[in-house]
Amino acid sequence: MKENSEPVSAHEVASLAADLRTWLEVHQSNGALHPTAPLPKLAPTPAAEPSVKAARHGSAPGRPSKQSPAPMDLAGVRAELGECHRCNLSKGRRKIVFGSGSATADIVFVGEGPGFHEDQQGEPFVGAAGDLLNRIIENVLRLNRADVYIANVVKCRPPGNRNPEPAEVTACSPFLRKQLGVIEPKIIVALGRFAMQTLLNTDEPVGRLRGKSHPFHGAALIPTYHPAYLLRNPADKRKTMQDMMLVRSEYERLTGVTLPPVARPSR
């Protein structure tokens, strides 16, 4: 599902975001949600592999730096991607949509692929679904978009916003994995079926795997519905808010940082 599959007004996005926050506050107040409940422990990162994030900050253990290859950063991954022609998506794209946000983010959001507006601007999630994602980040997680990182499984827009084909995912997904390897997030939020299935290597639907934290190379991977799907299926906003509460809980558990309360919707 692409970010801008259907035109949605700003009023509709704001209304849906307000409904999400209202639902969350009501369920927090009556105890229906338990954001501090213990969650499954994640598999530890192997000690034998020095941290790329630590190496970027000069604190990686091991041999002297002059004997160690310089760790790749996001600029290096982007340079390796180049003006990519590894699959047929390159034929119709306007811009490669690599990703945006903090290179040291604790939370990474992963979507399916660019839509029309993303292809025009070269930035992920700038359409109507992007507006909703921004509101969730700011009002529910109480973080700024600049605090997180946002990317997609494929970096070029599929023609007509169709689903990516297997060969296109195969050609492009290694760069997503390299992005994640550089950033080393504590939490990965898989937005929609393609992101979840690609990262977890599964054919299961989102509805079966959402609501849980899945270990992923030392991080917590939390699947949820793509914002574009949510705009067309607002009945699933309850499930999405449960997932965002799980994201909040995992963030606080793994970082030791308490997030501010969910913002109250404007009247």
Protein backbone atom coordinates (compact mmCIF):
# COMPACT_ATOMS: atom_id res chain seq x y z
CA MET A 1 0.00 0.00 0.00
CA LYS A 2 1.54 3.30 -1.06
CA GLU A 3 1.57 6.47 0.94
CA ASN A 4 -0.83 8.32 -1.34
CA SER A 5 -3.03 5.61 -2.82
CA GLU A 6 -6.11 7.82 -2.48
CA PRO A 7 -6.49 11.60 -2.10
CA VAL A 8 -7.35 12.43 1.49
CA SER A 9 -8.03 15.90 2.82
CA ALA A 10 -6.00 17.45 5.62
CA HIS A 11 -9.20 17.67 7.65
CA GLU A 12 -9.75 13.91 7.35
CA VAL A 13 -6.17 13.20 8.42
CA ALA A 14 -6.47 15.53 11.41
CA SER A 15 -9.81 14.03 12.37
CA LEU A 16 -8.49 10.49 12.24
CA ALA A 17 -5.41 11.41 14.24
CA ALA A 18 -7.59 13.09 16.89
CA ASP A 19 -9.81 10.00 17.07
CA LEU A 20 -6.73 7.83 17.59
CA ARG A 21 -5.50 9.95 20.47
CA THR A 22 -8.95 10.14 22.07
CA TRP A 23 -9.33 6.36 21.87
CA LEU A 24 -5.91 5.90 23.47
CA GLU A 25 -6.64 8.27 26.36
CA VAL A 26 -9.94 6.58 27.15
CA HIS A 27 -8.39 3.11 27.20
CA GLN A 28 -5.41 4.26 29.26
CA SER A 29 -7.71 5.80 31.85
CA ASN A 30 -9.85 2.69 32.26
CA GLY A 31 -6.91 0.31 32.39
CA ALA A 32 -7.65 -1.47 29.12
CA LEU A 33 -4.08 -0.90 27.98
CA HIS A 34 -1.02 -1.69 30.03
CA PRO A 35 1.93 0.24 28.57
CA THR A 36 4.26 -0.86 31.37
CA ALA A 37 3.56 -4.58 31.10
CA PRO A 38 6.69 -6.72 30.66
CA LEU A 39 7.48 -7.66 27.08
CA PRO A 40 9.48 -10.55 25.60
CA LYS A 41 13.22 -10.05 25.93
CA LEU A 42 15.13 -9.52 22.75
CA ALA A 43 17.98 -11.69 21.57
CA PRO A 44 21.25 -9.98 22.55
CA THR A 45 23.51 -8.66 19.84
CA PRO A 46 26.53 -11.01 19.52
CA ALA A 47 29.42 -9.60 21.53
CA ALA A 48 31.89 -10.64 18.86
CA GLU A 49 30.50 -8.09 16.41
CA PRO A 50 31.61 -4.53 17.25
CA SER A 51 28.87 -1.94 17.12
CA VAL A 52 28.81 0.12 13.95
CA LYS A 53 27.06 2.90 15.86
CA ALA A 54 29.71 2.79 18.58
CA ALA A 55 32.48 2.77 15.98
CA ARG A 56 31.08 5.93 14.42
CA HIS A 57 31.44 7.61 17.80
CA GLY A 58 34.94 6.29 18.40
CA SER A 59 34.07 3.80 21.15
CA ALA A 60 34.09 0.48 19.31
CA PRO A 61 36.10 -2.27 21.02
CA GLY A 62 38.69 -4.37 19.25
CA ARG A 63 41.84 -3.71 17.27
CA PRO A 64 43.33 -0.23 16.79
CA SER A 65 41.39 1.86 14.32
CA LYS A 66 44.25 1.95 11.81
CA GLN A 67 43.85 -1.81 11.36
CA SER A 68 40.05 -1.73 11.18
CA PRO A 69 38.07 -0.80 8.07
CA ALA A 70 36.01 2.35 8.46
CA PRO A 71 32.38 1.46 9.18
CA MET A 72 29.91 2.37 6.44
CA ASP A 73 27.57 5.24 7.21
CA LEU A 74 24.30 6.19 5.54
CA ALA A 75 26.13 8.32 3.01
CA GLY A 76 28.18 5.26 2.11
CA VAL A 77 25.03 3.16 1.63
CA ARG A 78 23.54 5.90 -0.53
CA ALA A 79 26.73 6.08 -2.59
CA GLU A 80 26.66 2.31 -3.08
CA LEU A 81 23.05 2.52 -4.24
CA GLY A 82 24.06 5.18 -6.75
CA GLU A 83 21.72 6.00 -9.64
CA CYS A 84 20.33 2.51 -9.30
CA HIS A 85 19.25 0.48 -12.35
CA ARG A 86 19.11 -2.89 -10.62
CA CYS A 87 15.44 -3.45 -11.44
CA ASN A 88 12.72 -2.18 -13.76
CA LEU A 89 11.48 0.43 -11.28
CA SER A 90 14.34 2.69 -12.37
CA LYS A 91 12.72 3.12 -15.78
CA GLY A 92 9.75 5.14 -14.56
CA ARG A 93 10.95 6.87 -11.42
CA ARG A 94 11.57 10.57 -11.07
CA LYS A 95 13.69 10.42 -7.91
CA ILE A 96 15.20 7.74 -5.73
CA VAL A 97 13.63 7.93 -2.26
CA PHE A 98 16.45 6.72 -0.02
CA GLY A 99 15.22 7.68 3.44
CA SER A 100 15.32 10.57 5.88
CA GLY A 101 15.77 11.29 9.55
CA SER A 102 18.33 10.76 12.27
CA ALA A 103 21.30 8.49 11.49
CA THR A 104 21.36 7.46 15.16
CA ALA A 105 17.60 7.06 15.62
CA ASP A 106 16.30 4.59 18.19
CA ILE A 107 13.12 4.10 16.13
CA VAL A 108 12.98 3.38 12.39
CA PHE A 109 9.72 3.29 10.44
CA VAL A 110 9.76 1.12 7.31
CA GLY A 111 7.09 1.40 4.63
CA GLU A 112 6.53 -0.31 1.31
CA GLY A 113 7.61 2.13 -1.38
CA PRO A 114 7.31 5.72 -2.61
CA GLY A 115 4.05 7.12 -3.94
CA PHE A 116 3.50 10.01 -6.33
CA HIS A 117 4.47 12.84 -3.97
CA GLU A 118 7.45 10.93 -2.60
CA ASP A 119 8.70 10.29 -6.14
CA GLN A 120 8.39 14.01 -6.92
CA GLN A 121 10.16 15.22 -3.77
CA GLY A 122 12.60 12.40 -3.09
CA GLU A 123 11.42 12.11 0.53
CA PRO A 124 9.51 9.25 2.17
CA PHE A 125 5.99 9.70 3.55
CA VAL A 126 5.14 13.22 2.40
CA GLY A 127 1.61 12.48 1.15
CA ALA A 128 -1.62 12.14 3.12
CA ALA A 129 -0.42 8.97 4.85
CA GLY A 130 2.77 10.82 5.71
CA ASP A 131 0.70 13.52 7.41
CA LEU A 132 -0.95 10.86 9.53
CA LEU A 133 2.38 9.22 10.35
CA ASN A 134 3.79 12.59 11.40
CA ARG A 135 0.84 13.13 13.75
CA ILE A 136 1.31 9.69 15.30
CA ILE A 137 5.02 10.35 15.84
CA GLU A 138 4.43 13.78 17.33
CA ASN A 139 1.18 13.30 19.27
CA VAL A 140 1.27 9.65 20.31
CA LEU A 141 4.97 8.84 20.61
CA ARG A 142 5.72 12.49 21.50
CA LEU A 143 8.84 12.57 19.35
CA ASN A 144 9.78 14.79 16.42
CA ARG A 145 10.04 13.36 12.92
CA ALA A 146 13.71 14.41 12.97
CA ASP A 147 14.26 12.08 15.97
CA VAL A 148 13.34 8.95 14.00
CA TYR A 149 14.36 7.51 10.63
CA ILE A 150 11.90 6.69 7.84
CA ALA A 151 12.62 4.45 4.85
CA ASN A 152 10.94 2.03 2.46
CA VAL A 153 11.57 -1.48 1.22
CA VAL A 154 11.92 -0.25 -2.38
CA LYS A 155 13.44 3.12 -3.17
CA CYS A 156 11.63 3.84 -6.45
CA ARG A 157 7.92 4.29 -7.10
CA PRO A 158 6.22 1.28 -8.74
CA PRO A 159 4.20 2.36 -11.80
CA GLY A 160 0.64 3.31 -10.91
CA ASN A 161 1.40 2.64 -7.24
CA ARG A 162 1.16 -1.10 -7.84
CA ASN A 163 2.67 -3.54 -5.38
CA PRO A 164 6.41 -4.19 -5.71
CA GLU A 165 7.24 -7.38 -7.56
CA PRO A 166 9.43 -10.06 -5.93
CA ALA A 167 12.41 -9.28 -8.17
CA GLU A 168 12.17 -5.60 -7.25
CA VAL A 169 12.08 -6.36 -3.53
CA THR A 170 15.02 -8.74 -3.94
CA ALA A 171 17.06 -6.09 -5.74
CA CYS A 172 16.30 -3.26 -3.32
CA SER A 173 15.83 -4.74 0.16
CA PRO A 174 19.58 -5.28 0.79
CA PHE A 175 19.95 -1.51 0.95
CA LEU A 176 17.23 -1.28 3.57
CA ARG A 177 19.05 -3.90 5.62
CA LYS A 178 22.29 -1.92 5.28
CA GLN A 179 20.48 1.22 6.44
CA LEU A 180 19.25 -0.65 9.50
CA GLY A 181 22.73 -2.06 10.09
CA VAL A 182 24.21 1.44 10.11
CA ILE A 183 21.53 3.03 12.29
CA GLU A 184 21.22 0.09 14.70
CA PRO A 185 17.78 1.14 15.97
CA LYS A 186 16.29 -0.31 19.09
CA ILE A 187 12.81 -0.46 17.52
CA ILE A 188 11.71 -1.05 13.93
CA VAL A 189 8.08 -0.29 13.08
CA ALA A 190 7.09 -2.24 9.96
CA LEU A 191 4.29 -0.32 8.27
CA GLY A 192 2.17 -2.72 6.28
CA ARG A 193 2.43 -6.15 4.72
CA PHE A 194 5.43 -5.73 2.42
CA ALA A 195 7.67 -4.19 5.08
CA MET A 196 6.74 -6.81 7.66
CA GLN A 197 7.00 -9.79 5.30
CA THR A 198 10.32 -8.60 3.86
CA LEU A 199 11.99 -8.03 7.21
CA LEU A 200 10.59 -11.09 8.99
CA ASN A 201 10.83 -13.32 5.90
CA THR A 202 7.27 -14.51 6.30
CA ASP A 203 4.07 -14.83 4.30
CA GLU A 204 1.84 -14.17 7.32
CA PRO A 205 -0.60 -11.23 7.16
CA VAL A 206 -0.12 -8.16 9.32
CA GLY A 207 -3.22 -8.97 11.33
CA ARG A 208 -1.68 -12.20 12.57
CA LEU A 209 1.71 -10.81 13.63
CA ARG A 210 0.86 -7.30 14.83
CA GLY A 211 0.40 -6.64 18.54
CA LYS A 212 3.69 -8.36 19.38
CA SER A 213 7.36 -7.45 19.57
CA HIS A 214 9.46 -9.68 17.31
CA PRO A 215 13.23 -10.00 17.88
CA PHE A 216 15.17 -8.72 14.89
CA HIS A 217 18.98 -8.66 15.07
CA GLY A 218 18.98 -7.26 18.59
CA ALA A 219 16.09 -4.87 17.95
CA ALA A 220 12.35 -5.08 18.56
CA LEU A 221 10.35 -5.26 15.33
CA ILE A 222 6.72 -4.20 15.74
CA PRO A 223 4.37 -4.67 12.76
CA THR A 224 1.35 -2.45 12.29
CA TYR A 225 -0.94 -1.25 9.52
CA HIS A 226 0.32 1.17 6.88
CA PRO A 227 -1.09 4.68 7.37
CA ALA A 228 -2.56 4.62 3.86
CA TYR A 229 -4.50 1.48 4.77
CA LEU A 230 -5.65 3.14 7.97
CA LEU A 231 -6.99 6.16 6.11
CA ARG A 232 -9.25 3.85 4.12
CA ASN A 233 -10.01 1.47 7.00
CA PRO A 234 -10.45 3.63 10.12
CA ALA A 235 -12.05 0.72 11.96
CA ASP A 236 -8.52 -0.61 12.52
CA LYS A 237 -7.36 2.54 14.32
CA ARG A 238 -7.91 0.74 17.66
CA LYS A 239 -5.38 -1.92 16.69
CA THR A 240 -2.96 0.68 15.45
CA MET A 241 -3.09 2.53 18.76
CA GLN A 242 -2.40 -0.70 20.61
CA ASP A 243 0.67 -1.12 18.43
CA MET A 244 1.80 2.44 19.13
CA MET A 245 1.45 1.79 22.85
CA LEU A 246 3.71 -1.21 22.37
CA VAL A 247 6.20 1.02 20.56
CA ARG A 248 6.10 3.48 23.47
CA SER A 249 6.57 0.70 26.00
CA GLU A 250 9.50 -0.86 24.14
CA TYR A 251 11.11 2.54 23.65
CA GLU A 252 10.94 3.32 27.35
CA ARG A 253 12.16 -0.14 28.32
CA LEU A 254 15.09 -0.20 25.91
CA THR A 255 16.22 3.42 26.28
CA GLY A 256 15.31 4.12 29.90
CA VAL A 257 13.65 7.34 28.72
CA THR A 258 10.07 8.09 29.79
CA LEU A 259 8.05 9.62 27.01
CA PRO A 260 5.67 12.52 27.72
CA PRO A 261 1.96 11.64 27.94
CA VAL A 262 0.01 11.32 24.73
CA ALA A 263 -1.07 14.74 23.49
CA ARG A 264 -4.74 15.56 24.01
CA PRO A 265 -6.68 16.18 20.80
CA SER A 266 -7.54 19.79 20.09
CA ARG A 267 -11.20 20.69 20.51
